[in-house]
PDB file of all heavy atoms in Angstrom:
ATOM      1  N   LEU A   1      -4.192 -17.009  27.852  1.00  0.00           N
ATOM      2  CA  LEU A   1      -5.031 -17.054  26.655  1.00  0.00           C
ATOM      3  C   LEU A   1      -4.812 -15.811  25.814  1.00  0.00           C
ATOM      4  O   LEU A   1      -4.962 -14.686  26.304  1.00  0.00           O
ATOM      5  CB  LEU A   1      -6.503 -17.164  27.056  1.00  0.00           C
ATOM      6  CG  LEU A   1      -7.543 -17.095  25.933  1.00  0.00           C
ATOM      7  CD1 LEU A   1      -7.347 -18.231  24.934  1.00  0.00           C
ATOM      8  CD2 LEU A   1      -8.959 -17.138  26.504  1.00  0.00           C
ATOM      9  N   GLN A   2      -4.441 -16.018  24.567  1.00  0.00           N
ATOM     10  CA  GLN A   2      -4.299 -14.915  23.607  1.00  0.00           C
ATOM     11  C   GLN A   2      -5.490 -14.960  22.660  1.00  0.00           C
ATOM     12  O   GLN A   2      -5.684 -15.924  21.931  1.00  0.00           O
ATOM     13  CB  GLN A   2      -2.996 -15.048  22.819  1.00  0.00           C
ATOM     14  CG  GLN A   2      -2.851 -14.020  21.696  1.00  0.00           C
ATOM     15  CD  GLN A   2      -1.539 -14.167  20.961  1.00  0.00           C
ATOM     16  OE1 GLN A   2      -0.469 -13.971  21.524  1.00  0.00           O
ATOM     17  NE2 GLN A   2      -1.605 -14.539  19.687  1.00  0.00           N
ATOM     18  N   LEU A   3      -6.301 -13.915  22.694  1.00  0.00           N
ATOM     19  CA  LEU A   3      -7.486 -13.816  21.836  1.00  0.00           C
ATOM     20  C   LEU A   3      -7.282 -12.726  20.790  1.00  0.00           C
ATOM     21  O   LEU A   3      -6.422 -11.859  20.946  1.00  0.00           O
ATOM     22  CB  LEU A   3      -8.724 -13.486  22.672  1.00  0.00           C
ATOM     23  CG  LEU A   3      -9.236 -14.580  23.613  1.00  0.00           C
ATOM     24  CD1 LEU A   3     -10.339 -14.026  24.506  1.00  0.00           C
ATOM     25  CD2 LEU A   3      -9.742 -15.779  22.830  1.00  0.00           C
ATOM     26  N   PRO A   4      -8.085 -12.735  19.715  1.00  0.00           N
ATOM     27  CA  PRO A   4      -8.033 -11.620  18.763  1.00  0.00           C
ATOM     28  C   PRO A   4      -8.344 -10.300  19.451  1.00  0.00           C
ATOM     29  O   PRO A   4      -8.888 -10.274  20.569  1.00  0.00           O
ATOM     30  CB  PRO A   4      -9.122 -11.991  17.743  1.00  0.00           C
ATOM     31  CG  PRO A   4      -9.243 -13.483  17.833  1.00  0.00           C
ATOM     32  CD  PRO A   4      -8.980 -13.819  19.265  1.00  0.00           C
ATOM     33  N   ALA A   5      -8.023  -9.196  18.796  1.00  0.00           N
ATOM     34  CA  ALA A   5      -8.189  -7.874  19.403  1.00  0.00           C
ATOM     35  C   ALA A   5      -9.614  -7.620  19.864  1.00  0.00           C
ATOM     36  O   ALA A   5      -9.845  -6.954  20.875  1.00  0.00           O
ATOM     37  CB  ALA A   5      -7.756  -6.796  18.414  1.00  0.00           C
ATOM     38  N   ALA A   6     -10.602  -8.148  19.127  1.00  0.00           N
ATOM     39  CA  ALA A   6     -12.009  -8.042  19.526  1.00  0.00           C
ATOM     40  C   ALA A   6     -12.633  -9.421  19.390  1.00  0.00           C
ATOM     41  O   ALA A   6     -12.776  -9.932  18.275  1.00  0.00           O
ATOM     42  CB  ALA A   6     -12.745  -7.028  18.661  1.00  0.00           C
ATOM     43  N   PHE A   7     -12.980 -10.004  20.514  1.00  0.00           N
ATOM     44  CA  PHE A   7     -13.526 -11.370  20.533  1.00  0.00           C
ATOM     45  C   PHE A   7     -14.942 -11.305  21.104  1.00  0.00           C
ATOM     46  O   PHE A   7     -15.136 -11.301  22.323  1.00  0.00           O
ATOM     47  CB  PHE A   7     -12.636 -12.280  21.384  1.00  0.00           C
ATOM     48  CG  PHE A   7     -12.991 -13.743  21.291  1.00  0.00           C
ATOM     49  CD1 PHE A   7     -12.590 -14.501  20.200  1.00  0.00           C
ATOM     50  CD2 PHE A   7     -13.721 -14.358  22.291  1.00  0.00           C
ATOM     51  CE1 PHE A   7     -12.912 -15.850  20.111  1.00  0.00           C
ATOM     52  CE2 PHE A   7     -14.045 -15.706  22.218  1.00  0.00           C
ATOM     53  CZ  PHE A   7     -13.643 -16.448  21.120  1.00  0.00           C
ATOM     54  N   PRO A   8     -15.976 -11.240  20.251  1.00  0.00           N
ATOM     55  CA  PRO A   8     -17.346 -11.082  20.742  1.00  0.00           C
ATOM     56  C   PRO A   8     -17.965 -12.403  21.198  1.00  0.00           C
ATOM     57  O   PRO A   8     -17.724 -13.453  20.617  1.00  0.00           O
ATOM     58  CB  PRO A   8     -18.091 -10.531  19.519  1.00  0.00           C
ATOM     59  CG  PRO A   8     -17.325 -11.032  18.342  1.00  0.00           C
ATOM     60  CD  PRO A   8     -15.896 -11.160  18.780  1.00  0.00           C
ATOM     61  N   ILE A   9     -18.753 -12.331  22.262  1.00  0.00           N
ATOM     62  CA  ILE A   9     -19.465 -13.493  22.786  1.00  0.00           C
ATOM     63  C   ILE A   9     -20.922 -13.089  23.005  1.00  0.00           C
ATOM     64  O   ILE A   9     -21.199 -12.106  23.701  1.00  0.00           O
ATOM     65  CB  ILE A   9     -18.878 -13.980  24.120  1.00  0.00           C
ATOM     66  CG1 ILE A   9     -17.372 -14.198  23.985  1.00  0.00           C
ATOM     67  CG2 ILE A   9     -19.543 -15.267  24.582  1.00  0.00           C
ATOM     68  CD1 ILE A   9     -16.658 -14.264  25.302  1.00  0.00           C
ATOM     69  N   VAL A  10     -21.823 -13.844  22.420  1.00  0.00           N
ATOM     70  CA  VAL A  10     -23.257 -13.568  22.570  1.00  0.00           C
ATOM     71  C   VAL A  10     -23.835 -14.344  23.738  1.00  0.00           C
ATOM     72  O   VAL A  10     -24.489 -13.789  24.613  1.00  0.00           O
ATOM     73  CB  VAL A  10     -24.017 -13.899  21.272  1.00  0.00           C
ATOM     74  CG1 VAL A  10     -25.524 -13.722  21.467  1.00  0.00           C
ATOM     75  CG2 VAL A  10     -23.528 -13.021  20.130  1.00  0.00           C
ATOM     76  N   GLU A  11     -23.591 -15.638  23.776  1.00  0.00           N
ATOM     77  CA  GLU A  11     -24.168 -16.488  24.820  1.00  0.00           C
ATOM     78  C   GLU A  11     -23.213 -16.562  26.011  1.00  0.00           C
ATOM     79  O   GLU A  11     -22.422 -17.490  26.150  1.00  0.00           O
ATOM     80  CB  GLU A  11     -24.469 -17.875  24.266  1.00  0.00           C
ATOM     81  CG  GLU A  11     -25.501 -17.861  23.146  1.00  0.00           C
ATOM     82  CD  GLU A  11     -25.789 -19.232  22.582  1.00  0.00           C
ATOM     83  OE1 GLU A  11     -26.535 -20.008  23.218  1.00  0.00           O
ATOM     84  OE2 GLU A  11     -25.268 -19.539  21.495  1.00  0.00           O
ATOM     85  N   THR A  12     -23.289 -15.540  26.867  1.00  0.00           N
ATOM     86  CA  THR A  12     -22.379 -15.452  28.001  1.00  0.00           C
ATOM     87  C   THR A  12     -22.875 -16.240  29.216  1.00  0.00           C
ATOM     88  O   THR A  12     -22.142 -16.387  30.188  1.00  0.00           O
ATOM     89  CB  THR A  12     -22.171 -13.985  28.410  1.00  0.00           C
ATOM     90  OG1 THR A  12     -23.459 -13.386  28.639  1.00  0.00           O
ATOM     91  CG2 THR A  12     -21.451 -13.214  27.311  1.00  0.00           C
ATOM     92  N   HIS A  13     -24.112 -16.706  29.191  1.00  0.00           N
ATOM     93  CA  HIS A  13     -24.698 -17.501  30.277  1.00  0.00           C
ATOM     94  C   HIS A  13     -24.577 -16.807  31.633  1.00  0.00           C
ATOM     95  O   HIS A  13     -23.967 -17.340  32.568  1.00  0.00           O
ATOM     96  CB  HIS A  13     -24.041 -18.885  30.344  1.00  0.00           C
ATOM     97  CG  HIS A  13     -24.285 -19.736  29.137  1.00  0.00           C
ATOM     98  ND1 HIS A  13     -25.358 -20.588  29.020  1.00  0.00           N
ATOM     99  CD2 HIS A  13     -23.588 -19.850  27.975  1.00  0.00           C
ATOM    100  CE1 HIS A  13     -25.317 -21.205  27.846  1.00  0.00           C
ATOM    101  NE2 HIS A  13     -24.254 -20.761  27.186  1.00  0.00           N
ATOM    102  N   PRO A  14     -25.170 -15.628  31.787  1.00  0.00           N
ATOM    103  CA  PRO A  14     -25.107 -14.945  33.086  1.00  0.00           C
ATOM    104  C   PRO A  14     -26.025 -15.629  34.098  1.00  0.00           C
ATOM    105  O   PRO A  14     -26.769 -16.557  33.770  1.00  0.00           O
ATOM    106  CB  PRO A  14     -25.617 -13.537  32.756  1.00  0.00           C
ATOM    107  CG  PRO A  14     -26.542 -13.753  31.599  1.00  0.00           C
ATOM    108  CD  PRO A  14     -25.941 -14.881  30.792  1.00  0.00           C
ATOM    109  N   ASP A  15     -25.995 -15.154  35.327  1.00  0.00           N
ATOM    110  CA  ASP A  15     -26.902 -15.637  36.364  1.00  0.00           C
ATOM    111  C   ASP A  15     -28.339 -15.457  35.875  1.00  0.00           C
ATOM    112  O   ASP A  15     -28.717 -14.356  35.455  1.00  0.00           O
ATOM    113  CB  ASP A  15     -26.673 -14.821  37.639  1.00  0.00           C
ATOM    114  CG  ASP A  15     -27.585 -15.234  38.786  1.00  0.00           C
ATOM    115  OD1 ASP A  15     -28.400 -16.142  38.583  1.00  0.00           O
ATOM    116  OD2 ASP A  15     -27.476 -14.644  39.867  1.00  0.00           O
ATOM    117  N   PRO A  16     -29.172 -16.514  35.903  1.00  0.00           N
ATOM    118  CA  PRO A  16     -30.548 -16.414  35.383  1.00  0.00           C
ATOM    119  C   PRO A  16     -31.327 -15.229  35.938  1.00  0.00           C
ATOM    120  O   PRO A  16     -32.108 -14.597  35.226  1.00  0.00           O
ATOM    121  CB  PRO A  16     -31.187 -17.749  35.800  1.00  0.00           C
ATOM    122  CG  PRO A  16     -30.040 -18.700  35.884  1.00  0.00           C
ATOM    123  CD  PRO A  16     -28.875 -17.883  36.373  1.00  0.00           C
ATOM    124  N   GLU A  17     -31.111 -14.898  37.222  1.00  0.00           N
ATOM    125  CA  GLU A  17     -31.857 -13.781  37.808  1.00  0.00           C
ATOM    126  C   GLU A  17     -31.520 -12.459  37.144  1.00  0.00           C
ATOM    127  O   GLU A  17     -32.362 -11.574  37.032  1.00  0.00           O
ATOM    128  CB  GLU A  17     -31.577 -13.695  39.311  1.00  0.00           C
ATOM    129  CG  GLU A  17     -32.315 -14.746  40.136  1.00  0.00           C
ATOM    130  CD  GLU A  17     -32.334 -14.405  41.611  1.00  0.00           C
ATOM    131  OE1 GLU A  17     -31.892 -13.293  41.965  1.00  0.00           O
ATOM    132  OE2 GLU A  17     -32.775 -15.245  42.401  1.00  0.00           O
ATOM    133  N   SER A  18     -30.285 -12.338  36.676  1.00  0.00           N
ATOM    134  CA  SER A  18     -29.872 -11.072  36.058  1.00  0.00           C
ATOM    135  C   SER A  18     -30.429 -10.908  34.653  1.00  0.00           C
ATOM    136  O   SER A  18     -30.344  -9.834  34.072  1.00  0.00           O
ATOM    137  CB  SER A  18     -28.343 -10.976  36.033  1.00  0.00           C
ATOM    138  OG  SER A  18     -27.800 -11.929  35.135  1.00  0.00           O
ATOM    139  N   THR A  19     -30.987 -11.975  34.080  1.00  0.00           N
ATOM    140  CA  THR A  19     -31.513 -11.892  32.714  1.00  0.00           C
ATOM    141  C   THR A  19     -32.984 -11.506  32.692  1.00  0.00           C
ATOM    142  O   THR A  19     -33.546 -11.291  31.622  1.00  0.00           O
ATOM    143  CB  THR A  19     -31.347 -13.241  31.991  1.00  0.00           C
ATOM    144  OG1 THR A  19     -32.130 -14.238  32.663  1.00  0.00           O
ATOM    145  CG2 THR A  19     -29.898 -13.682  31.958  1.00  0.00           C
ATOM    146  N   GLN A  20     -33.618 -11.437  33.845  1.00  0.00           N
ATOM    147  CA  GLN A  20     -35.042 -11.120  33.887  1.00  0.00           C
ATOM    148  C   GLN A  20     -35.270  -9.638  33.598  1.00  0.00           C
ATOM    149  O   GLN A  20     -34.677  -8.770  34.250  1.00  0.00           O
ATOM    150  CB  GLN A  20     -35.631 -11.501  35.243  1.00  0.00           C
ATOM    151  CG  GLN A  20     -35.607 -12.999  35.500  1.00  0.00           C
ATOM    152  CD  GLN A  20     -36.004 -13.350  36.919  1.00  0.00           C
ATOM    153  OE1 GLN A  20     -36.444 -12.485  37.679  1.00  0.00           O
ATOM    154  NE2 GLN A  20     -35.841 -14.607  37.291  1.00  0.00           N
ATOM    155  N   ASP A  21     -36.102  -9.370  32.624  1.00  0.00           N
ATOM    156  CA  ASP A  21     -36.424  -7.999  32.241  1.00  0.00           C
ATOM    157  C   ASP A  21     -37.948  -7.905  32.190  1.00  0.00           C
ATOM    158  O   ASP A  21     -38.579  -8.230  31.190  1.00  0.00           O
ATOM    159  CB  ASP A  21     -35.805  -7.676  30.880  1.00  0.00           C
ATOM    160  CG  ASP A  21     -35.986  -6.221  30.496  1.00  0.00           C
ATOM    161  OD1 ASP A  21     -36.568  -5.467  31.307  1.00  0.00           O
ATOM    162  OD2 ASP A  21     -35.552  -5.839  29.397  1.00  0.00           O
ATOM    163  N   LEU A  22     -38.559  -7.469  33.309  1.00  0.00           N
ATOM    164  CA  LEU A  22     -40.026  -7.494  33.420  1.00  0.00           C
ATOM    165  C   LEU A  22     -40.682  -6.224  32.885  1.00  0.00           C
ATOM    166  O   LEU A  22     -41.894  -6.205  32.638  1.00  0.00           O
ATOM    167  CB  LEU A  22     -40.426  -7.711  34.887  1.00  0.00           C
ATOM    168  CG  LEU A  22     -39.914  -9.020  35.513  1.00  0.00           C
ATOM    169  CD1 LEU A  22     -40.342  -9.118  36.970  1.00  0.00           C
ATOM    170  CD2 LEU A  22     -40.404 -10.221  34.730  1.00  0.00           C
ATOM    171  N   ARG A  23     -39.923  -5.133  32.732  1.00  0.00           N
ATOM    172  CA  ARG A  23     -40.424  -3.859  32.190  1.00  0.00           C
ATOM    173  C   ARG A  23     -41.638  -3.334  32.954  1.00  0.00           C
ATOM    174  O   ARG A  23     -42.626  -2.870  32.361  1.00  0.00           O
ATOM    175  CB  ARG A  23     -40.796  -4.030  30.710  1.00  0.00           C
ATOM    176  CG  ARG A  23     -39.674  -4.491  29.809  1.00  0.00           C
ATOM    177  CD  ARG A  23     -38.723  -3.357  29.473  1.00  0.00           C
ATOM    178  NE  ARG A  23     -37.554  -3.876  28.801  1.00  0.00           N
ATOM    179  CZ  ARG A  23     -37.442  -4.039  27.483  1.00  0.00           C
ATOM    180  NH1 ARG A  23     -38.462  -3.727  26.699  1.00  0.00           N
ATOM    181  NH2 ARG A  23     -36.341  -4.506  26.963  1.00  0.00           N
ATOM    182  N   LEU A  24     -41.597  -3.421  34.263  1.00  0.00           N
ATOM    183  CA  LEU A  24     -42.743  -2.993  35.060  1.00  0.00           C
ATOM    184  C   LEU A  24     -42.901  -1.477  35.079  1.00  0.00           C
ATOM    185  O   LEU A  24     -44.013  -0.971  35.227  1.00  0.00           O
ATOM    186  CB  LEU A  24     -42.597  -3.511  36.497  1.00  0.00           C
ATOM    187  CG  LEU A  24     -42.549  -5.037  36.646  1.00  0.00           C
ATOM    188  CD1 LEU A  24     -42.389  -5.422  38.101  1.00  0.00           C
ATOM    189  CD2 LEU A  24     -43.813  -5.665  36.063  1.00  0.00           C
ATOM    190  N   LEU A  25     -41.804  -0.741  34.938  1.00  0.00           N
ATOM    191  CA  LEU A  25     -41.885   0.728  34.973  1.00  0.00           C
ATOM    192  C   LEU A  25     -42.268   1.319  33.622  1.00  0.00           C
ATOM    193  O   LEU A  25     -42.705   2.463  33.554  1.00  0.00           O
ATOM    194  CB  LEU A  25     -40.556   1.316  35.453  1.00  0.00           C
ATOM    195  CG  LEU A  25     -40.146   0.969  36.891  1.00  0.00           C
ATOM    196  CD1 LEU A  25     -38.865   1.696  37.259  1.00  0.00           C
ATOM    197  CD2 LEU A  25     -41.259   1.300  37.866  1.00  0.00           C
ATOM    198  N   ASN A  26     -42.087   0.552  32.553  1.00  0.00           N
ATOM    199  CA  ASN A  26     -42.497   1.029  31.219  1.00  0.00           C
ATOM    200  C   ASN A  26     -43.141  -0.113  30.443  1.00  0.00           C
ATOM    201  O   ASN A  26     -42.603  -0.572  29.438  1.00  0.00           O
ATOM    202  CB  ASN A  26     -41.308   1.624  30.457  1.00  0.00           C
ATOM    203  CG  ASN A  26     -40.125   0.676  30.394  1.00  0.00           C
ATOM    204  OD1 ASN A  26     -40.038  -0.303  31.146  1.00  0.00           O
ATOM    205  ND2 ASN A  26     -39.208   0.945  29.478  1.00  0.00           N
ATOM    206  N   PRO A  27     -44.300  -0.592  30.914  1.00  0.00           N
ATOM    207  CA  PRO A  27     -44.955  -1.726  30.249  1.00  0.00           C
ATOM    208  C   PRO A  27     -45.492  -1.348  28.876  1.00  0.00           C
ATOM    209  O   PRO A  27     -45.922  -0.215  28.646  1.00  0.00           O
ATOM    210  CB  PRO A  27     -46.093  -2.077  31.208  1.00  0.00           C
ATOM    211  CG  PRO A  27     -46.400  -0.792  31.912  1.00  0.00           C
ATOM    212  CD  PRO A  27     -45.081  -0.093  32.049  1.00  0.00           C
ATOM    213  N   TRP A  28     -45.449  -2.275  27.941  1.00  0.00           N
ATOM    214  CA  TRP A  28     -46.060  -2.073  26.634  1.00  0.00           C
ATOM    215  C   TRP A  28     -47.573  -2.249  26.787  1.00  0.00           C
ATOM    216  O   TRP A  28     -48.056  -2.748  27.823  1.00  0.00           O
ATOM    217  CB  TRP A  28     -45.452  -3.018  25.611  1.00  0.00           C
ATOM    218  CG  TRP A  28     -45.564  -4.484  25.933  1.00  0.00           C
ATOM    219  CD1 TRP A  28     -46.484  -5.359  25.470  1.00  0.00           C
ATOM    220  CD2 TRP A  28     -44.708  -5.235  26.808  1.00  0.00           C
ATOM    221  NE1 TRP A  28     -46.271  -6.612  25.978  1.00  0.00           N
ATOM    222  CE2 TRP A  28     -45.188  -6.563  26.809  1.00  0.00           C
ATOM    223  CE3 TRP A  28     -43.592  -4.920  27.589  1.00  0.00           C
ATOM    224  CZ2 TRP A  28     -44.588  -7.583  27.560  1.00  0.00           C
ATOM    225  CZ3 TRP A  28     -42.999  -5.933  28.334  1.00  0.00           C
ATOM    226  CH2 TRP A  28     -43.492  -7.239  28.314  1.00  0.00           C
ATOM    227  N   PRO A  29     -48.381  -1.825  25.814  1.00  0.00           N
ATOM    228  CA  PRO A  29     -49.850  -1.802  25.969  1.00  0.00           C
ATOM    229  C   PRO A  29     -50.461  -3.118  26.440  1.00  0.00           C
ATOM    230  O   PRO A  29     -51.328  -3.123  27.319  1.00  0.00           O
ATOM    231  CB  PRO A  29     -50.341  -1.430  24.569  1.00  0.00           C
ATOM    232  CG  PRO A  29     -49.220  -0.631  23.995  1.00  0.00           C
ATOM    233  CD  PRO A  29     -47.966  -1.239  24.535  1.00  0.00           C
ATOM    234  N   GLU A  30     -50.027  -4.255  25.882  1.00  0.00           N
ATOM    235  CA  GLU A  30     -50.624  -5.543  26.258  1.00  0.00           C
ATOM    236  C   GLU A  30     -50.350  -5.879  27.727  1.00  0.00           C
ATOM    237  O   GLU A  30     -51.215  -6.409  28.431  1.00  0.00           O
ATOM    238  CB  GLU A  30     -50.087  -6.661  25.371  1.00  0.00           C
ATOM    239  CG  GLU A  30     -50.511  -6.586  23.913  1.00  0.00           C
ATOM    240  CD  GLU A  30     -49.651  -5.644  23.081  1.00  0.00           C
ATOM    241  OE1 GLU A  30     -48.737  -4.995  23.656  1.00  0.00           O
ATOM    242  OE2 GLU A  30     -49.884  -5.555  21.856  1.00  0.00           O
ATOM    243  N   LEU A  31     -49.129  -5.571  28.207  1.00  0.00           N
ATOM    244  CA  LEU A  31     -48.802  -5.849  29.601  1.00  0.00           C
ATOM    245  C   LEU A  31     -49.554  -4.890  30.523  1.00  0.00           C
ATOM    246  O   LEU A  31     -50.055  -5.300  31.580  1.00  0.00           O
ATOM    247  CB  LEU A  31     -47.292  -5.727  29.830  1.00  0.00           C
ATOM    248  CG  LEU A  31     -46.790  -6.028  31.247  1.00  0.00           C
ATOM    249  CD1 LEU A  31     -47.144  -7.459  31.654  1.00  0.00           C
ATOM    250  CD2 LEU A  31     -45.284  -5.812  31.361  1.00  0.00           C
ATOM    251  N   ALA A  32     -49.632  -3.624  30.124  1.00  0.00           N
ATOM    252  CA  ALA A  32     -50.368  -2.650  30.930  1.00  0.00           C
ATOM    253  C   ALA A  32     -51.835  -3.050  31.040  1.00  0.00           C
ATOM    254  O   ALA A  32     -52.456  -2.920  32.108  1.00  0.00           O
ATOM    255  CB  ALA A  32     -50.231  -1.260  30.316  1.00  0.00           C
ATOM    256  N   ALA A  33     -52.400  -3.560  29.945  1.00  0.00           N
ATOM    257  CA  ALA A  33     -53.802  -3.982  29.956  1.00  0.00           C
ATOM    258  C   ALA A  33     -54.009  -5.166  30.893  1.00  0.00           C
ATOM    259  O   ALA A  33     -55.021  -5.262  31.601  1.00  0.00           O
ATOM    260  CB  ALA A  33     -54.245  -4.350  28.537  1.00  0.00           C
ATOM    261  N   ALA A  34     -53.027  -6.091  30.927  1.00  0.00           N
ATOM    262  CA  ALA A  34     -53.129  -7.243  31.824  1.00  0.00           C
ATOM    263  C   ALA A  34     -53.098  -6.788  33.281  1.00  0.00           C
ATOM    264  O   ALA A  34     -53.821  -7.321  34.133  1.00  0.00           O
ATOM    265  CB  ALA A  34     -51.985  -8.219  31.553  1.00  0.00           C
ATOM    266  N   GLY A  35     -52.275  -5.779  33.592  1.00  0.00           N
ATOM    267  CA  GLY A  35     -52.225  -5.257  34.957  1.00  0.00           C
ATOM    268  C   GLY A  35     -53.506  -4.550  35.330  1.00  0.00           C
ATOM    269  O   GLY A  35     -53.994  -4.666  36.462  1.00  0.00           O
ATOM    270  N   ALA A  36     -54.105  -3.834  34.376  1.00  0.00           N
ATOM    271  CA  ALA A  36     -55.366  -3.127  34.640  1.00  0.00           C
ATOM    272  C   ALA A  36     -56.528  -4.096  34.818  1.00  0.00           C
ATOM    273  O   ALA A  36     -57.548  -3.749  35.423  1.00  0.00           O
ATOM    274  CB  ALA A  36     -55.660  -2.165  33.494  1.00  0.00           C
ATOM    275  N   GLY A  37     -56.353  -5.323  34.313  1.00  0.00           N
ATOM    276  CA  GLY A  37     -57.436  -6.304  34.375  1.00  0.00           C
ATOM    277  C   GLY A  37     -57.688  -6.879  35.747  1.00  0.00           C
ATOM    278  O   GLY A  37     -58.633  -7.646  35.933  1.00  0.00           O
TER     279      GLY A  37
END
């Protein structure tokens, strides 16, 4: 396969587990409030 010098792909379809971003170590205010509840 010969591709252009830079061939960008947005929808790479990775393993679903690797796409999870829960932000537990730096929760935003609404998430922190839910945990405090």
